[in-house]
Amino acid sequence: EGGTERAFTGKYDKNKQAGEYLCAACGQRVFDSSHKYDSGSGWPSFTAPADEDVVEESRDVSMGMIRTEVVCSKCEGHLGHVFPDGPGETGLRYCINSAALDFAPEDGDA
């Protein structure tokens, strides 16, 4: 509920399997492994959501910082934050809590 897990403690930070990341609260597909990269931040990081309408963004001024919060568009569950310091075309880093995600591996991946 709006919290942030400690860096390098989440189960999906180092996950390299191909598959989909789902909102842990409602099951909506929110991120895809094809957009995941190792940002070194200690949280699962993505350059883009699975589709542009699966997350919503809003200004977050908690904890003395100005950030952009990312929530699931279906259930409004807190996923993490997005920052303008990512690689590639988007230049974005979606920094997401592992606790907010479930992972569905592609067929054939175990």
Protein backbone atom coordinates (compact mmCIF):
# COMPACT_ATOMS: atom_id res chain seq x y z
CA GLU A 1 0.00 0.00 0.00
CA GLY A 2 2.33 2.70 -1.22
CA GLY A 3 5.44 1.35 0.49
CA THR A 4 8.83 0.54 -0.95
CA GLU A 5 10.67 -2.68 -0.21
CA ARG A 6 14.36 -2.52 0.68
CA ALA A 7 16.75 -2.60 -2.27
CA PHE A 8 18.18 -5.98 -3.31
CA THR A 9 15.61 -7.93 -1.23
CA GLY A 10 12.90 -8.60 -3.82
CA LYS A 11 12.58 -11.97 -5.51
CA TYR A 12 12.35 -10.55 -9.05
CA ASP A 13 15.31 -8.13 -9.01
CA LYS A 14 17.66 -10.66 -10.64
CA ASN A 15 15.03 -12.75 -12.47
CA LYS A 16 16.12 -13.25 -16.09
CA GLN A 17 13.38 -15.67 -17.21
CA ALA A 18 11.19 -14.76 -20.17
CA GLY A 19 7.59 -14.13 -19.21
CA GLU A 20 5.03 -11.67 -17.93
CA TYR A 21 4.89 -9.73 -14.69
CA LEU A 22 1.39 -9.49 -13.24
CA CYS A 23 -0.09 -7.20 -10.61
CA ALA A 24 0.00 -9.30 -7.43
CA ALA A 25 -3.30 -7.81 -6.27
CA CYS A 26 -5.50 -8.38 -9.34
CA GLY A 27 -3.52 -10.40 -11.91
CA GLN A 28 -3.44 -7.80 -14.68
CA ARG A 29 -0.34 -8.04 -16.90
CA VAL A 30 1.66 -4.89 -16.12
CA PHE A 31 5.22 -5.57 -17.36
CA ASP A 32 6.97 -7.95 -19.74
CA SER A 33 10.44 -9.47 -19.48
CA SER A 34 11.36 -7.99 -22.88
CA HIS A 35 11.39 -4.54 -21.23
CA LYS A 36 13.28 -5.63 -18.09
CA TYR A 37 16.91 -4.68 -17.50
CA ASP A 38 19.41 -4.55 -14.63
CA SER A 39 19.51 -0.93 -13.50
CA GLY A 40 21.70 -1.72 -10.51
CA SER A 41 19.10 -0.07 -8.26
CA GLY A 42 18.14 -3.25 -6.42
CA TRP A 43 14.56 -3.31 -7.73
CA PRO A 44 13.13 -4.91 -10.86
CA SER A 45 13.45 -2.23 -13.55
CA PHE A 46 11.66 -1.90 -16.87
CA THR A 47 11.88 0.59 -19.74
CA ALA A 48 8.11 0.48 -20.37
CA PRO A 49 4.91 -1.17 -19.14
CA ALA A 50 3.43 -4.13 -21.03
CA ASP A 51 0.90 -1.77 -22.67
CA GLU A 52 0.40 1.95 -22.23
CA ASP A 53 -3.00 1.55 -20.56
CA VAL A 54 -2.06 -1.00 -17.85
CA VAL A 55 -0.47 1.49 -15.44
CA GLU A 56 -1.37 4.97 -14.26
CA GLU A 57 1.10 7.58 -13.08
CA SER A 58 0.69 10.38 -10.55
CA ARG A 59 2.87 12.84 -8.66
CA ASP A 60 4.16 11.54 -5.32
CA VAL A 61 5.63 14.02 -2.84
CA SER A 62 5.99 11.61 0.09
CA MET A 63 9.22 11.10 2.05
CA GLY A 64 10.50 14.58 1.15
CA MET A 65 10.96 13.71 -2.53
CA ILE A 66 9.15 14.52 -5.76
CA ARG A 67 8.60 11.33 -7.73
CA THR A 68 6.09 9.77 -10.09
CA GLU A 69 4.15 6.89 -8.57
CA VAL A 70 3.07 3.97 -10.76
CA VAL A 71 -0.13 2.05 -9.95
CA CYS A 72 -2.06 -0.75 -11.65
CA SER A 73 -4.81 0.75 -13.82
CA LYS A 74 -7.22 -2.06 -12.92
CA CYS A 75 -7.03 -2.14 -9.10
CA GLU A 76 -4.95 1.00 -8.36
CA GLY A 77 -2.44 -1.09 -6.40
CA HIS A 78 0.93 0.60 -5.81
CA LEU A 79 3.62 -0.89 -8.07
CA GLY A 80 6.55 1.50 -7.63
CA HIS A 81 7.87 4.66 -9.28
CA VAL A 82 9.11 5.79 -12.69
CA PHE A 83 12.21 7.92 -13.19
CA PRO A 84 13.57 9.73 -16.31
CA ASP A 85 17.01 8.08 -16.12
CA GLY A 86 16.49 4.83 -18.02
CA PRO A 87 18.18 3.52 -21.16
CA GLY A 88 17.08 3.33 -24.76
CA GLU A 89 14.23 4.95 -26.61
CA THR A 90 11.99 5.63 -23.63
CA GLY A 91 14.68 7.01 -21.32
CA LEU A 92 12.51 5.72 -18.47
CA ARG A 93 13.22 3.45 -15.52
CA TYR A 94 10.14 1.86 -14.02
CA CYS A 95 11.43 0.88 -10.58
CA ILE A 96 8.94 -1.71 -9.32
CA ASN A 97 8.54 -3.57 -6.02
CA SER A 98 8.84 -7.37 -6.33
CA ALA A 99 6.13 -7.67 -3.65
CA ALA A 100 3.69 -5.94 -6.03
CA LEU A 101 4.31 -8.51 -8.78
CA ASP A 102 3.66 -12.13 -9.66
CA PHE A 103 5.62 -13.75 -12.48
CA ALA A 104 4.23 -16.01 -15.21
CA PRO A 105 7.06 -17.67 -17.18
CA GLU A 106 6.70 -18.21 -20.91
CA ASP A 107 5.69 -21.72 -21.95
CA GLY A 108 8.70 -23.98 -21.70
CA ASP A 109 10.46 -21.89 -19.03
CA ALA A 110 10.63 -23.36 -15.56
